[in-house]
Amino acid sequence: MMIKLHIMSNFFETSINLEVKTYDIDFAGVVSNIVYIKWIEDFRLAMLATHYPLQNQLEKDIAPTILQTKIDYKRSIRLFDRVSGRIWISDIQRTKWFLEAEIYAQDKVAAVVEQSGVFVSLCRSRPVAIPDDLLQKYLEFKQVNQVVS
């Protein structure tokens, strides 16, 4: 997996190149649906490692938790396809965050993903408000991009 960073067009945008493994292929000869979920987790963890490290979250006794994942499959991915993807935070509300991602095969969109989640207090196992530092970064990003747009 290779992470490519570039000028952000979306908040916390992160791009990754992936390799299709033989064990990713199902009986129909295409990448199994469950692999897409794993790839989205890889994308999300790479984004967090780059922009909002998981270790820092754990030190605050919080962790991101997935509420929903929606994948629109556009085309099949096969064993020797060049696969890449990009992920970003599309919105942050008081207690929820929303991600969007795209997975590409041979430079064509293969899947479009939407995911939502919350931060959970590890000691209380309850959702908590979005951490102030993350919310502040998001609001600053939105403000700068509204001025540029």
C-alpha atoms as a PDB file:
ATOM      1  CA  MET A   1       0.000   0.000   0.000  1.00  0.00           C
ATOM      2  CA  MET A   2       1.405   3.384  -0.959  1.00  0.00           C
ATOM      3  CA  ILE A   3       0.027   6.657   0.384  1.00  0.00           C
ATOM      4  CA  LYS A   4       0.137   9.709  -1.877  1.00  0.00           C
ATOM      5  CA  LEU A   5      -0.351  13.128  -0.368  1.00  0.00           C
ATOM      6  CA  HIS A   6      -1.204  16.079  -2.569  1.00  0.00           C
ATOM      7  CA  ILE A   7      -2.778  19.475  -2.271  1.00  0.00           C
ATOM      8  CA  MET A   8      -6.034  18.917  -0.458  1.00  0.00           C
ATOM      9  CA  SER A   9      -9.146  19.461  -2.466  1.00  0.00           C
ATOM     10  CA  ASN A  10     -11.202  17.842   0.298  1.00  0.00           C
ATOM     11  CA  PHE A  11     -10.738  17.842   4.063  1.00  0.00           C
ATOM     12  CA  PHE A  12      -8.067  15.317   5.155  1.00  0.00           C
ATOM     13  CA  GLU A  13      -8.023  13.843   1.641  1.00  0.00           C
ATOM     14  CA  THR A  14      -5.673  10.885   1.357  1.00  0.00           C
ATOM     15  CA  SER A  15      -4.912   8.752  -1.705  1.00  0.00           C
ATOM     16  CA  ILE A  16      -3.676   5.171  -1.662  1.00  0.00           C
ATOM     17  CA  ASN A  17      -2.539   2.650  -4.263  1.00  0.00           C
ATOM     18  CA  LEU A  18      -3.591  -0.940  -3.591  1.00  0.00           C
ATOM     19  CA  GLU A  19      -2.626  -4.332  -4.924  1.00  0.00           C
ATOM     20  CA  VAL A  20      -5.267  -6.959  -5.590  1.00  0.00           C
ATOM     21  CA  LYS A  21      -4.205 -10.209  -3.931  1.00  0.00           C
ATOM     22  CA  THR A  22      -5.220 -13.680  -5.082  1.00  0.00           C
ATOM     23  CA  TYR A  23      -7.176 -14.142  -1.862  1.00  0.00           C
ATOM     24  CA  ASP A  24      -9.227 -10.993  -2.664  1.00  0.00           C
ATOM     25  CA  ILE A  25     -10.839 -12.754  -5.641  1.00  0.00           C
ATOM     26  CA  ASP A  26     -14.145 -14.595  -5.294  1.00  0.00           C
ATOM     27  CA  PHE A  27     -15.492 -17.552  -7.283  1.00  0.00           C
ATOM     28  CA  ALA A  28     -16.670 -15.214 -10.078  1.00  0.00           C
ATOM     29  CA  GLY A  29     -13.105 -13.993 -10.679  1.00  0.00           C
ATOM     30  CA  VAL A  30     -13.628 -10.485  -9.287  1.00  0.00           C
ATOM     31  CA  VAL A  31     -12.710  -8.766  -6.029  1.00  0.00           C
ATOM     32  CA  SER A  32     -15.103  -9.890  -3.292  1.00  0.00           C
ATOM     33  CA  ASN A  33     -17.470  -7.319  -1.771  1.00  0.00           C
ATOM     34  CA  ILE A  34     -15.956  -7.830   1.687  1.00  0.00           C
ATOM     35  CA  VAL A  35     -12.550  -6.695   0.369  1.00  0.00           C
ATOM     36  CA  TYR A  36     -13.992  -3.254  -0.357  1.00  0.00           C
ATOM     37  CA  ILE A  37     -14.855  -2.917   3.351  1.00  0.00           C
ATOM     38  CA  LYS A  38     -11.270  -3.850   4.254  1.00  0.00           C
ATOM     39  CA  TRP A  39      -9.911  -1.345   1.741  1.00  0.00           C
ATOM     40  CA  ILE A  40     -12.096   1.434   3.163  1.00  0.00           C
ATOM     41  CA  GLU A  41     -10.728   0.598   6.609  1.00  0.00           C
ATOM     42  CA  ASP A  42      -7.191   0.781   5.175  1.00  0.00           C
ATOM     43  CA  PHE A  43      -8.026   4.174   3.607  1.00  0.00           C
ATOM     44  CA  ARG A  44      -9.541   5.495   6.842  1.00  0.00           C
ATOM     45  CA  LEU A  45      -6.595   4.325   8.960  1.00  0.00           C
ATOM     46  CA  ALA A  46      -4.114   5.892   6.498  1.00  0.00           C
ATOM     47  CA  MET A  47      -6.057   9.159   6.635  1.00  0.00           C
ATOM     48  CA  LEU A  48      -6.059   9.086  10.434  1.00  0.00           C
ATOM     49  CA  ALA A  49      -2.343   8.225  10.590  1.00  0.00           C
ATOM     50  CA  THR A  50      -1.592  11.206   8.365  1.00  0.00           C
ATOM     51  CA  HIS A  51      -4.017  13.807   9.699  1.00  0.00           C
ATOM     52  CA  TYR A  52      -5.470  12.771  13.076  1.00  0.00           C
ATOM     53  CA  PRO A  53      -3.389   9.927  14.584  1.00  0.00           C
ATOM     54  CA  LEU A  54      -5.254   7.141  16.299  1.00  0.00           C
ATOM     55  CA  GLN A  55      -2.684   7.124  19.115  1.00  0.00           C
ATOM     56  CA  ASN A  56      -3.647  10.721  19.987  1.00  0.00           C
ATOM     57  CA  GLN A  57      -7.300   9.728  20.046  1.00  0.00           C
ATOM     58  CA  LEU A  58      -6.639   6.783  22.341  1.00  0.00           C
ATOM     59  CA  GLU A  59      -4.705   9.078  24.696  1.00  0.00           C
ATOM     60  CA  LYS A  60      -7.926  11.152  24.909  1.00  0.00           C
ATOM     61  CA  ASP A  61      -9.859   7.941  25.682  1.00  0.00           C
ATOM     62  CA  ILE A  62     -11.793   8.110  22.408  1.00  0.00           C
ATOM     63  CA  ALA A  63     -11.939   6.030  19.263  1.00  0.00           C
ATOM     64  CA  PRO A  64     -13.801   6.368  15.960  1.00  0.00           C
ATOM     65  CA  THR A  65     -16.681   3.949  15.515  1.00  0.00           C
ATOM     66  CA  ILE A  66     -18.489   3.194  12.270  1.00  0.00           C
ATOM     67  CA  LEU A  67     -22.261   3.670  12.172  1.00  0.00           C
ATOM     68  CA  GLN A  68     -22.935   3.001   8.493  1.00  0.00           C
ATOM     69  CA  THR A  69     -21.136   2.130   5.272  1.00  0.00           C
ATOM     70  CA  LYS A  70     -22.735   2.453   1.838  1.00  0.00           C
ATOM     71  CA  ILE A  71     -20.943   1.244  -1.283  1.00  0.00           C
ATOM     72  CA  ASP A  72     -22.177   1.822  -4.829  1.00  0.00           C
ATOM     73  CA  TYR A  73     -20.352  -0.643  -7.074  1.00  0.00           C
ATOM     74  CA  LYS A  74     -19.744   0.828 -10.535  1.00  0.00           C
ATOM     75  CA  ARG A  75     -17.518  -1.802 -12.160  1.00  0.00           C
ATOM     76  CA  SER A  76     -15.787  -5.036 -11.215  1.00  0.00           C
ATOM     77  CA  ILE A  77     -12.160  -5.176 -10.159  1.00  0.00           C
ATOM     78  CA  ARG A  78     -10.051  -8.135 -11.307  1.00  0.00           C
ATOM     79  CA  LEU A  79      -6.774  -9.682 -10.211  1.00  0.00           C
ATOM     80  CA  PHE A  80      -4.276  -7.639 -12.235  1.00  0.00           C
ATOM     81  CA  ASP A  81      -6.115  -4.304 -12.271  1.00  0.00           C
ATOM     82  CA  ARG A  82      -4.293  -1.175 -11.072  1.00  0.00           C
ATOM     83  CA  VAL A  83      -6.297  -0.136  -8.022  1.00  0.00           C
ATOM     84  CA  SER A  84      -6.199   3.133  -6.134  1.00  0.00           C
ATOM     85  CA  GLY A  85      -8.514   5.078  -3.940  1.00  0.00           C
ATOM     86  CA  ARG A  86      -9.024   8.322  -2.155  1.00  0.00           C
ATOM     87  CA  ILE A  87     -10.882   9.180   1.019  1.00  0.00           C
ATOM     88  CA  TRP A  88     -11.824  12.411   2.766  1.00  0.00           C
ATOM     89  CA  ILE A  89     -14.041  13.801   5.494  1.00  0.00           C
ATOM     90  CA  SER A  90     -17.093  15.268   3.789  1.00  0.00           C
ATOM     91  CA  ASP A  91     -18.850  16.682   6.856  1.00  0.00           C
ATOM     92  CA  ILE A  92     -18.554  16.968  10.607  1.00  0.00           C
ATOM     93  CA  GLN A  93     -21.522  17.627  12.841  1.00  0.00           C
ATOM     94  CA  ARG A  94     -21.740  17.964  16.621  1.00  0.00           C
ATOM     95  CA  THR A  95     -21.393  14.237  17.283  1.00  0.00           C
ATOM     96  CA  LYS A  96     -21.088  12.615  13.827  1.00  0.00           C
ATOM     97  CA  TRP A  97     -18.496  12.515  11.106  1.00  0.00           C
ATOM     98  CA  PHE A  98     -19.055  11.604   7.448  1.00  0.00           C
ATOM     99  CA  LEU A  99     -16.527  10.213   4.972  1.00  0.00           C
ATOM    100  CA  GLU A 100     -16.590   9.781   1.239  1.00  0.00           C
ATOM    101  CA  ALA A 101     -14.267   7.625  -0.798  1.00  0.00           C
ATOM    102  CA  GLU A 102     -13.740   6.485  -4.343  1.00  0.00           C
ATOM    103  CA  ILE A 103     -12.031   3.309  -5.488  1.00  0.00           C
ATOM    104  CA  TYR A 104     -10.540   3.249  -8.981  1.00  0.00           C
ATOM    105  CA  ALA A 105      -9.524   0.367 -11.229  1.00  0.00           C
ATOM    106  CA  GLN A 106      -7.505   1.193 -14.318  1.00  0.00           C
ATOM    107  CA  ASP A 107      -8.158   4.890 -13.522  1.00  0.00           C
ATOM    108  CA  LYS A 108     -11.946   4.435 -13.783  1.00  0.00           C
ATOM    109  CA  VAL A 109     -14.325   4.692 -10.820  1.00  0.00           C
ATOM    110  CA  ALA A 110     -15.103   1.189  -9.573  1.00  0.00           C
ATOM    111  CA  ALA A 111     -16.917   2.098  -6.349  1.00  0.00           C
ATOM    112  CA  VAL A 112     -18.217   5.150  -4.516  1.00  0.00           C
ATOM    113  CA  VAL A 113     -18.389   4.952  -0.731  1.00  0.00           C
ATOM    114  CA  GLU A 114     -20.141   6.901   2.004  1.00  0.00           C
ATOM    115  CA  GLN A 115     -19.465   6.182   5.641  1.00  0.00           C
ATOM    116  CA  SER A 116     -20.617   7.753   8.889  1.00  0.00           C
ATOM    117  CA  GLY A 117     -19.516   7.346  12.443  1.00  0.00           C
ATOM    118  CA  VAL A 118     -19.037   8.802  15.874  1.00  0.00           C
ATOM    119  CA  PHE A 119     -16.296   9.043  18.439  1.00  0.00           C
ATOM    120  CA  VAL A 120     -16.879   6.848  21.454  1.00  0.00           C
ATOM    121  CA  SER A 121     -15.522   7.253  24.965  1.00  0.00           C
ATOM    122  CA  LEU A 122     -13.603   4.041  25.594  1.00  0.00           C
ATOM    123  CA  CYS A 123     -14.189   4.071  29.349  1.00  0.00           C
ATOM    124  CA  ARG A 124     -17.934   4.788  29.094  1.00  0.00           C
ATOM    125  CA  SER A 125     -18.697   3.090  25.758  1.00  0.00           C
ATOM    126  CA  ARG A 126     -20.848   6.099  24.813  1.00  0.00           C
ATOM    127  CA  PRO A 127     -20.688   8.533  21.893  1.00  0.00           C
ATOM    128  CA  VAL A 128     -19.006  11.861  22.647  1.00  0.00           C
ATOM    129  CA  ALA A 129     -18.907  15.218  20.895  1.00  0.00           C
ATOM    130  CA  ILE A 130     -16.445  15.627  18.046  1.00  0.00           C
ATOM    131  CA  PRO A 131     -13.058  16.501  19.616  1.00  0.00           C
ATOM    132  CA  ASP A 132     -12.493  20.268  19.680  1.00  0.00           C
ATOM    133  CA  ASP A 133      -9.157  20.121  17.838  1.00  0.00           C
ATOM    134  CA  LEU A 134     -10.648  18.115  14.955  1.00  0.00           C
ATOM    135  CA  LEU A 135     -13.722  20.331  14.760  1.00  0.00           C
ATOM    136  CA  GLN A 136     -11.524  23.448  14.736  1.00  0.00           C
ATOM    137  CA  LYS A 137      -9.372  22.089  11.876  1.00  0.00           C
ATOM    138  CA  TYR A 138     -12.519  21.279   9.912  1.00  0.00           C
ATOM    139  CA  LEU A 139     -14.079  24.713  10.450  1.00  0.00           C
ATOM    140  CA  GLU A 140     -10.807  26.416   9.415  1.00  0.00           C
ATOM    141  CA  PHE A 141     -10.647  24.266   6.281  1.00  0.00           C
ATOM    142  CA  LYS A 142     -14.249  25.118   5.367  1.00  0.00           C
ATOM    143  CA  GLN A 143     -13.639  28.809   5.920  1.00  0.00           C
ATOM    144  CA  VAL A 144     -10.524  28.867   3.731  1.00  0.00           C
ATOM    145  CA  ASN A 145     -12.275  26.894   0.973  1.00  0.00           C
ATOM    146  CA  GLN A 146     -15.326  29.163   1.030  1.00  0.00           C
ATOM    147  CA  VAL A 147     -13.053  32.154   0.489  1.00  0.00           C
ATOM    148  CA  VAL A 148     -11.225  30.379  -2.371  1.00  0.00           C
ATOM    149  CA  SER A 149     -14.432  29.106  -4.049  1.00  0.00           C
END
